Amino acid sequence: MFREKEKKWNAVCSEIANILKKERESKGLSKVVISERTGLSRAMIGYVESGARNPTLQTLLRMADALEIDLSAIVRQAQRRTK
C-alpha cells in the first residue's frame, strides 16, 4: 500500500513541477526573472521545473509568490490531474 501512495505522491510532485513551468512560460517570464524575485538560483529553478530536485516548502512558496499564484491551488490542480 505504501508503494502505491508513493507512486501517487511522485506523480503529484511531477505535476506541480510541470504546472510551475507552464505558469512561468505562460506569463512570459524567464528563469532569470523568477530567480531575481525569489532569491533562488536559475539552476534551482530549472531543477524544480524539471523535477530533478524535491524542493522545500519554502522554495515552492517563493516560486508561487514570484508567479503570483496560490501554492495550494497548484497542489489541488496537480492532485486532480493525477487521479
PDB file of N, CA and C in Angstrom:
ATOM      1  N   MET A   1       0.818  -1.195   0.000  1.00  0.00           N
ATOM      2  CA  MET A   1       0.000   0.000   0.000  1.00  0.00           C
ATOM      3  C   MET A   1       0.864   1.263   0.000  1.00  0.00           C
ATOM      4  N   PHE A   2       1.955   1.256   0.747  1.00  0.00           N
ATOM      5  CA  PHE A   2       2.827   2.426   0.806  1.00  0.00           C
ATOM      6  C   PHE A   2       3.393   2.744  -0.573  1.00  0.00           C
ATOM      7  N   ARG A   3       3.805   1.713  -1.309  1.00  0.00           N
ATOM      8  CA  ARG A   3       4.404   1.934  -2.634  1.00  0.00           C
ATOM      9  C   ARG A   3       3.398   2.580  -3.598  1.00  0.00           C
ATOM     10  N   GLU A   4       2.145   2.199  -3.477  1.00  0.00           N
ATOM     11  CA  GLU A   4       1.111   2.809  -4.310  1.00  0.00           C
ATOM     12  C   GLU A   4       0.971   4.283  -3.990  1.00  0.00           C
ATOM     13  N   LYS A   5       0.968   4.611  -2.708  1.00  0.00           N
ATOM     14  CA  LYS A   5       0.869   6.009  -2.303  1.00  0.00           C
ATOM     15  C   LYS A   5       2.103   6.789  -2.735  1.00  0.00           C
ATOM     16  N   GLU A   6       3.257   6.151  -2.625  1.00  0.00           N
ATOM     17  CA  GLU A   6       4.490   6.813  -3.023  1.00  0.00           C
ATOM     18  C   GLU A   6       4.468   7.143  -4.519  1.00  0.00           C
ATOM     19  N   LYS A   7       3.952   6.242  -5.323  1.00  0.00           N
ATOM     20  CA  LYS A   7       3.826   6.500  -6.758  1.00  0.00           C
ATOM     21  C   LYS A   7       2.921   7.700  -7.009  1.00  0.00           C
ATOM     22  N   LYS A   8       1.813   7.746  -6.284  1.00  0.00           N
ATOM     23  CA  LYS A   8       0.886   8.872  -6.435  1.00  0.00           C
ATOM     24  C   LYS A   8       1.535  10.170  -6.004  1.00  0.00           C
ATOM     25  N   TRP A   9       2.242  10.151  -4.883  1.00  0.00           N
ATOM     26  CA  TRP A   9       2.918  11.364  -4.399  1.00  0.00           C
ATOM     27  C   TRP A   9       3.947  11.841  -5.418  1.00  0.00           C
ATOM     28  N   ASN A  10       4.687  10.908  -5.995  1.00  0.00           N
ATOM     29  CA  ASN A  10       5.679  11.267  -7.010  1.00  0.00           C
ATOM     30  C   ASN A  10       5.011  11.880  -8.233  1.00  0.00           C
ATOM     31  N   ALA A  11       3.870  11.342  -8.614  1.00  0.00           N
ATOM     32  CA  ALA A  11       3.140  11.887  -9.757  1.00  0.00           C
ATOM     33  C   ALA A  11       2.648  13.302  -9.468  1.00  0.00           C
ATOM     34  N   VAL A  12       2.173  13.533  -8.254  1.00  0.00           N
ATOM     35  CA  VAL A  12       1.717  14.873  -7.863  1.00  0.00           C
ATOM     36  C   VAL A  12       2.888  15.848  -7.871  1.00  0.00           C
ATOM     37  N   CYS A  13       4.020  15.439  -7.333  1.00  0.00           N
ATOM     38  CA  CYS A  13       5.214  16.302  -7.321  1.00  0.00           C
ATOM     39  C   CYS A  13       5.642  16.648  -8.738  1.00  0.00           C
ATOM     40  N   SER A  14       5.627  15.679  -9.608  1.00  0.00           N
ATOM     41  CA  SER A  14       5.997  15.902 -11.001  1.00  0.00           C
ATOM     42  C   SER A  14       5.028  16.877 -11.671  1.00  0.00           C
ATOM     43  N   GLU A  15       3.764  16.730 -11.370  1.00  0.00           N
ATOM     44  CA  GLU A  15       2.758  17.615 -11.951  1.00  0.00           C
ATOM     45  C   GLU A  15       2.894  19.037 -11.406  1.00  0.00           C
ATOM     46  N   ILE A  16       3.237  19.183 -10.143  1.00  0.00           N
ATOM     47  CA  ILE A  16       3.481  20.518  -9.578  1.00  0.00           C
ATOM     48  C   ILE A  16       4.620  21.190 -10.335  1.00  0.00           C
ATOM     49  N   ALA A  17       5.677  20.451 -10.600  1.00  0.00           N
ATOM     50  CA  ALA A  17       6.812  20.985 -11.365  1.00  0.00           C
ATOM     51  C   ALA A  17       6.359  21.439 -12.746  1.00  0.00           C
ATOM     52  N   ASN A  18       5.545  20.616 -13.412  1.00  0.00           N
ATOM     53  CA  ASN A  18       5.025  20.972 -14.737  1.00  0.00           C
ATOM     54  C   ASN A  18       4.177  22.234 -14.699  1.00  0.00           C
ATOM     55  N   ILE A  19       3.335  22.334 -13.691  1.00  0.00           N
ATOM     56  CA  ILE A  19       2.455  23.495 -13.561  1.00  0.00           C
ATOM     57  C   ILE A  19       3.280  24.762 -13.343  1.00  0.00           C
ATOM     58  N   LEU A  20       4.266  24.694 -12.469  1.00  0.00           N
ATOM     59  CA  LEU A  20       5.109  25.868 -12.218  1.00  0.00           C
ATOM     60  C   LEU A  20       5.789  26.336 -13.504  1.00  0.00           C
ATOM     61  N   LYS A  21       6.314  25.405 -14.257  1.00  0.00           N
ATOM     62  CA  LYS A  21       6.989  25.758 -15.507  1.00  0.00           C
ATOM     63  C   LYS A  21       6.006  26.373 -16.503  1.00  0.00           C
ATOM     64  N   LYS A  22       4.841  25.748 -16.651  1.00  0.00           N
ATOM     65  CA  LYS A  22       3.838  26.261 -17.589  1.00  0.00           C
ATOM     66  C   LYS A  22       3.353  27.653 -17.186  1.00  0.00           C
ATOM     67  N   GLU A  23       3.179  27.867 -15.897  1.00  0.00           N
ATOM     68  CA  GLU A  23       2.759  29.182 -15.407  1.00  0.00           C
ATOM     69  C   GLU A  23       3.817  30.237 -15.734  1.00  0.00           C
ATOM     70  N   ARG A  24       5.070  29.904 -15.490  1.00  0.00           N
ATOM     71  CA  ARG A  24       6.162  30.842 -15.780  1.00  0.00           C
ATOM     72  C   ARG A  24       6.181  31.175 -17.263  1.00  0.00           C
ATOM     73  N   GLU A  25       6.124  30.152 -18.085  1.00  0.00           N
ATOM     74  CA  GLU A  25       6.176  30.358 -19.527  1.00  0.00           C
ATOM     75  C   GLU A  25       4.951  31.114 -20.044  1.00  0.00           C
ATOM     76  N   SER A  26       3.773  30.810 -19.499  1.00  0.00           N
ATOM     77  CA  SER A  26       2.553  31.482 -19.971  1.00  0.00           C
ATOM     78  C   SER A  26       2.556  32.966 -19.623  1.00  0.00           C
ATOM     79  N   LYS A  27       3.302  33.326 -18.592  1.00  0.00           N
ATOM     80  CA  LYS A  27       3.416  34.737 -18.201  1.00  0.00           C
ATOM     81  C   LYS A  27       4.602  35.418 -18.873  1.00  0.00           C
ATOM     82  N   GLY A  28       5.306  34.666 -19.704  1.00  0.00           N
ATOM     83  CA  GLY A  28       6.428  35.228 -20.428  1.00  0.00           C
ATOM     84  C   GLY A  28       7.614  35.591 -19.549  1.00  0.00           C
ATOM     85  N   LEU A  29       7.762  34.868 -18.446  1.00  0.00           N
ATOM     86  CA  LEU A  29       8.837  35.148 -17.502  1.00  0.00           C
ATOM     87  C   LEU A  29       9.995  34.177 -17.703  1.00  0.00           C
ATOM     88  N   SER A  30      11.192  34.687 -17.615  1.00  0.00           N
ATOM     89  CA  SER A  30      12.381  33.844 -17.735  1.00  0.00           C
ATOM     90  C   SER A  30      12.767  33.296 -16.368  1.00  0.00           C
ATOM     91  N   LYS A  31      13.645  32.325 -16.386  1.00  0.00           N
ATOM     92  CA  LYS A  31      14.182  31.800 -15.130  1.00  0.00           C
ATOM     93  C   LYS A  31      14.955  32.894 -14.391  1.00  0.00           C
ATOM     94  N   VAL A  32      15.570  33.795 -15.145  1.00  0.00           N
ATOM     95  CA  VAL A  32      16.311  34.906 -14.541  1.00  0.00           C
ATOM     96  C   VAL A  32      15.370  35.778 -13.710  1.00  0.00           C
ATOM     97  N   VAL A  33      14.213  36.100 -14.265  1.00  0.00           N
ATOM     98  CA  VAL A  33      13.247  36.927 -13.551  1.00  0.00           C
ATOM     99  C   VAL A  33      12.774  36.223 -12.279  1.00  0.00           C
ATOM    100  N   ILE A  34      12.441  34.949 -12.399  1.00  0.00           N
ATOM    101  CA  ILE A  34      11.985  34.194 -11.227  1.00  0.00           C
ATOM    102  C   ILE A  34      13.110  34.111 -10.202  1.00  0.00           C
ATOM    103  N   SER A  35      14.320  33.927 -10.669  1.00  0.00           N
ATOM    104  CA  SER A  35      15.478  33.890  -9.780  1.00  0.00           C
ATOM    105  C   SER A  35      15.609  35.195  -9.005  1.00  0.00           C
ATOM    106  N   GLU A  36      15.453  36.310  -9.693  1.00  0.00           N
ATOM    107  CA  GLU A  36      15.550  37.623  -9.040  1.00  0.00           C
ATOM    108  C   GLU A  36      14.428  37.829  -8.037  1.00  0.00           C
ATOM    109  N   ARG A  37      13.249  37.362  -8.367  1.00  0.00           N
ATOM    110  CA  ARG A  37      12.086  37.537  -7.475  1.00  0.00           C
ATOM    111  C   ARG A  37      12.143  36.631  -6.247  1.00  0.00           C
ATOM    112  N   THR A  38      12.804  35.489  -6.384  1.00  0.00           N
ATOM    113  CA  THR A  38      12.796  34.507  -5.295  1.00  0.00           C
ATOM    114  C   THR A  38      14.093  34.447  -4.490  1.00  0.00           C
ATOM    115  N   GLY A  39      15.190  34.892  -5.105  1.00  0.00           N
ATOM    116  CA  GLY A  39      16.492  34.729  -4.461  1.00  0.00           C
ATOM    117  C   GLY A  39      17.068  33.337  -4.674  1.00  0.00           C
ATOM    118  N   LEU A  40      16.400  32.538  -5.497  1.00  0.00           N
ATOM    119  CA  LEU A  40      16.892  31.203  -5.834  1.00  0.00           C
ATOM    120  C   LEU A  40      17.748  31.300  -7.086  1.00  0.00           C
ATOM    121  N   SER A  41      18.662  30.374  -7.254  1.00  0.00           N
ATOM    122  CA  SER A  41      19.488  30.385  -8.457  1.00  0.00           C
ATOM    123  C   SER A  41      18.669  29.941  -9.668  1.00  0.00           C
ATOM    124  N   ARG A  42      19.122  30.351 -10.851  1.00  0.00           N
ATOM    125  CA  ARG A  42      18.459  29.897 -12.079  1.00  0.00           C
ATOM    126  C   ARG A  42      18.534  28.383 -12.184  1.00  0.00           C
ATOM    127  N   ALA A  43      19.652  27.837 -11.736  1.00  0.00           N
ATOM    128  CA  ALA A  43      19.806  26.373 -11.765  1.00  0.00           C
ATOM    129  C   ALA A  43      18.744  25.705 -10.897  1.00  0.00           C
ATOM    130  N   MET A  44      18.501  26.253  -9.715  1.00  0.00           N
ATOM    131  CA  MET A  44      17.491  25.665  -8.827  1.00  0.00           C
ATOM    132  C   MET A  44      16.107  25.747  -9.454  1.00  0.00           C
ATOM    133  N   ILE A  45      15.800  26.862 -10.089  1.00  0.00           N
ATOM    134  CA  ILE A  45      14.511  26.998 -10.778  1.00  0.00           C
ATOM    135  C   ILE A  45      14.380  25.882 -11.826  1.00  0.00           C
ATOM    136  N   GLY A  46      15.439  25.684 -12.582  1.00  0.00           N
ATOM    137  CA  GLY A  46      15.440  24.627 -13.595  1.00  0.00           C
ATOM    138  C   GLY A  46      15.301  23.244 -13.000  1.00  0.00           C
ATOM    139  N   TYR A  47      15.999  23.004 -11.894  1.00  0.00           N
ATOM    140  CA  TYR A  47      15.906  21.697 -11.226  1.00  0.00           C
ATOM    141  C   TYR A  47      14.482  21.424 -10.760  1.00  0.00           C
ATOM    142  N   VAL A  48      13.853  22.441 -10.171  1.00  0.00           N
ATOM    143  CA  VAL A  48      12.488  22.271  -9.673  1.00  0.00           C
ATOM    144  C   VAL A  48      11.535  22.016 -10.837  1.00  0.00           C
ATOM    145  N   GLU A  49      11.643  22.843 -11.879  1.00  0.00           N
ATOM    146  CA  GLU A  49      10.732  22.709 -13.017  1.00  0.00           C
ATOM    147  C   GLU A  49      10.896  21.393 -13.764  1.00  0.00           C
ATOM    148  N   SER A  50      12.086  20.847 -13.745  1.00  0.00           N
ATOM    149  CA  SER A  50      12.316  19.578 -14.455  1.00  0.00           C
ATOM    150  C   SER A  50      12.048  18.363 -13.571  1.00  0.00           C
ATOM    151  N   GLY A  51      11.815  18.609 -12.290  1.00  0.00           N
ATOM    152  CA  GLY A  51      11.580  17.504 -11.364  1.00  0.00           C
ATOM    153  C   GLY A  51      12.859  16.830 -10.902  1.00  0.00           C
ATOM    154  N   ALA A  52      13.998  17.457 -11.183  1.00  0.00           N
ATOM    155  CA  ALA A  52      15.285  16.876 -10.805  1.00  0.00           C
ATOM    156  C   ALA A  52      15.569  17.000  -9.310  1.00  0.00           C
ATOM    157  N   ARG A  53      14.882  17.916  -8.661  1.00  0.00           N
ATOM    158  CA  ARG A  53      15.053  18.108  -7.216  1.00  0.00           C
ATOM    159  C   ARG A  53      13.694  18.154  -6.549  1.00  0.00           C
ATOM    160  N   ASN A  54      13.656  17.704  -5.312  1.00  0.00           N
ATOM    161  CA  ASN A  54      12.455  17.844  -4.495  1.00  0.00           C
ATOM    162  C   ASN A  54      12.623  19.115  -3.673  1.00  0.00           C
ATOM    163  N   PRO A  55      11.929  20.172  -4.056  1.00  0.00           N
ATOM    164  CA  PRO A  55      12.111  21.447  -3.367  1.00  0.00           C
ATOM    165  C   PRO A  55      11.488  21.448  -1.975  1.00  0.00           C
ATOM    166  N   THR A  56      11.992  22.329  -1.143  1.00  0.00           N
ATOM    167  CA  THR A  56      11.387  22.516   0.171  1.00  0.00           C
ATOM    168  C   THR A  56      10.076  23.265   0.000  1.00  0.00           C
ATOM    169  N   LEU A  57       9.284  23.255   1.034  1.00  0.00           N
ATOM    170  CA  LEU A  57       8.035  24.010   1.021  1.00  0.00           C
ATOM    171  C   LEU A  57       8.332  25.493   0.814  1.00  0.00           C
ATOM    172  N   GLN A  58       9.373  25.986   1.446  1.00  0.00           N
ATOM    173  CA  GLN A  58       9.732  27.401   1.301  1.00  0.00           C
ATOM    174  C   GLN A  58      10.075  27.734  -0.158  1.00  0.00           C
ATOM    175  N   THR A  59      10.795  26.856  -0.820  1.00  0.00           N
ATOM    176  CA  THR A  59      11.132  27.074  -2.234  1.00  0.00           C
ATOM    177  C   THR A  59       9.871  27.133  -3.074  1.00  0.00           C
ATOM    178  N   LEU A  60       8.938  26.214  -2.850  1.00  0.00           N
ATOM    179  CA  LEU A  60       7.680  26.228  -3.591  1.00  0.00           C
ATOM    180  C   LEU A  60       6.874  27.493  -3.308  1.00  0.00           C
ATOM    181  N   LEU A  61       6.853  27.921  -2.062  1.00  0.00           N
ATOM    182  CA  LEU A  61       6.140  29.146  -1.710  1.00  0.00           C
ATOM    183  C   LEU A  61       6.762  30.357  -2.395  1.00  0.00           C
ATOM    184  N   ARG A  62       8.079  30.414  -2.430  1.00  0.00           N
ATOM    185  CA  ARG A  62       8.771  31.522  -3.091  1.00  0.00           C
ATOM    186  C   ARG A  62       8.449  31.561  -4.579  1.00  0.00           C
ATOM    187  N   MET A  63       8.483  30.392  -5.205  1.00  0.00           N
ATOM    188  CA  MET A  63       8.200  30.331  -6.639  1.00  0.00           C
ATOM    189  C   MET A  63       6.754  30.707  -6.930  1.00  0.00           C
ATOM    190  N   ALA A  64       5.828  30.199  -6.141  1.00  0.00           N
ATOM    191  CA  ALA A  64       4.417  30.534  -6.336  1.00  0.00           C
ATOM    192  C   ALA A  64       4.196  32.035  -6.146  1.00  0.00           C
ATOM    193  N   ASP A  65       4.825  32.603  -5.146  1.00  0.00           N
ATOM    194  CA  ASP A  65       4.706  34.041  -4.905  1.00  0.00           C
ATOM    195  C   ASP A  65       5.261  34.833  -6.083  1.00  0.00           C
ATOM    196  N   ALA A  66       6.398  34.417  -6.606  1.00  0.00           N
ATOM    197  CA  ALA A  66       7.012  35.102  -7.745  1.00  0.00           C
ATOM    198  C   ALA A  66       6.116  35.040  -8.979  1.00  0.00           C
ATOM    199  N   LEU A  67       5.342  33.964  -9.089  1.00  0.00           N
ATOM    200  CA  LEU A  67       4.422  33.785 -10.212  1.00  0.00           C
ATOM    201  C   LEU A  67       3.043  34.380  -9.929  1.00  0.00           C
ATOM    202  N   GLU A  68       2.875  34.887  -8.701  1.00  0.00           N
ATOM    203  CA  GLU A  68       1.608  35.474  -8.253  1.00  0.00           C
ATOM    204  C   GLU A  68       0.456  34.478  -8.355  1.00  0.00           C
ATOM    205  N   ILE A  69       0.738  33.260  -7.879  1.00  0.00           N
ATOM    206  CA  ILE A  69      -0.287  32.226  -7.829  1.00  0.00           C
ATOM    207  C   ILE A  69      -0.281  31.587  -6.440  1.00  0.00           C
ATOM    208  N   ASP A  70      -1.382  30.954  -6.099  1.00  0.00           N
ATOM    209  CA  ASP A  70      -1.547  30.331  -4.795  1.00  0.00           C
ATOM    210  C   ASP A  70      -1.018  28.897  -4.829  1.00  0.00           C
ATOM    211  N   LEU A  71      -0.082  28.588  -3.954  1.00  0.00           N
ATOM    212  CA  LEU A  71       0.504  27.254  -3.937  1.00  0.00           C
ATOM    213  C   LEU A  71      -0.538  26.178  -3.680  1.00  0.00           C
ATOM    214  N   SER A  72      -1.481  26.442  -2.802  1.00  0.00           N
ATOM    215  CA  SER A  72      -2.499  25.414  -2.523  1.00  0.00           C
ATOM    216  C   SER A  72      -3.326  25.119  -3.764  1.00  0.00           C
ATOM    217  N   ALA A  73      -3.567  26.120  -4.596  1.00  0.00           N
ATOM    218  CA  ALA A  73      -4.302  25.893  -5.843  1.00  0.00           C
ATOM    219  C   ALA A  73      -3.491  25.010  -6.790  1.00  0.00           C
ATOM    220  N   ILE A  74      -2.179  25.214  -6.813  1.00  0.00           N
ATOM    221  CA  ILE A  74      -1.314  24.381  -7.652  1.00  0.00           C
ATOM    222  C   ILE A  74      -1.356  22.937  -7.178  1.00  0.00           C
ATOM    223  N   VAL A  75      -1.293  22.743  -5.886  1.00  0.00           N
ATOM    224  CA  VAL A  75      -1.315  21.390  -5.326  1.00  0.00           C
ATOM    225  C   VAL A  75      -2.646  20.714  -5.647  1.00  0.00           C
ATOM    226  N   ARG A  76      -3.739  21.433  -5.459  1.00  0.00           N
ATOM    227  CA  ARG A  76      -5.065  20.855  -5.773  1.00  0.00           C
ATOM    228  C   ARG A  76      -5.162  20.490  -7.255  1.00  0.00           C
ATOM    229  N   GLN A  77      -4.680  21.382  -8.107  1.00  0.00           N
ATOM    230  CA  GLN A  77      -4.712  21.124  -9.549  1.00  0.00           C
ATOM    231  C   GLN A  77      -3.878  19.885  -9.883  1.00  0.00           C
ATOM    232  N   ALA A  78      -2.711  19.769  -9.287  1.00  0.00           N
ATOM    233  CA  ALA A  78      -1.842  18.609  -9.533  1.00  0.00           C
ATOM    234  C   ALA A  78      -2.507  17.327  -9.045  1.00  0.00           C
ATOM    235  N   GLN A  79      -3.167  17.393  -7.913  1.00  0.00           N
ATOM    236  CA  GLN A  79      -3.843  16.209  -7.382  1.00  0.00           C
ATOM    237  C   GLN A  79      -4.989  15.784  -8.301  1.00  0.00           C
ATOM    238  N   ARG A  80      -5.734  16.748  -8.805  1.00  0.00           N
ATOM    239  CA  ARG A  80      -6.847  16.421  -9.724  1.00  0.00           C
ATOM    240  C   ARG A  80      -6.319  15.787 -11.012  1.00  0.00           C
ATOM    241  N   ARG A  81      -5.227  16.313 -11.527  1.00  0.00           N
ATOM    242  CA  ARG A  81      -4.682  15.809 -12.782  1.00  0.00           C
ATOM    243  C   ARG A  81      -4.087  14.410 -12.658  1.00  0.00           C
ATOM    244  N   THR A  82      -3.736  14.000 -11.465  1.00  0.00           N
ATOM    245  CA  THR A  82      -3.082  12.704 -11.279  1.00  0.00           C
ATOM    246  C   THR A  82      -4.009  11.642 -10.712  1.00  0.00           C
ATOM    247  N   LYS A  83      -5.280  11.943 -10.623  1.00  0.00           N
ATOM    248  CA  LYS A  83      -6.234  10.947 -10.110  1.00  0.00           C
ATOM    249  C   LYS A  83      -6.443   9.838 -11.098  1.00  0.00           C
TER     250      LYS A  83
END
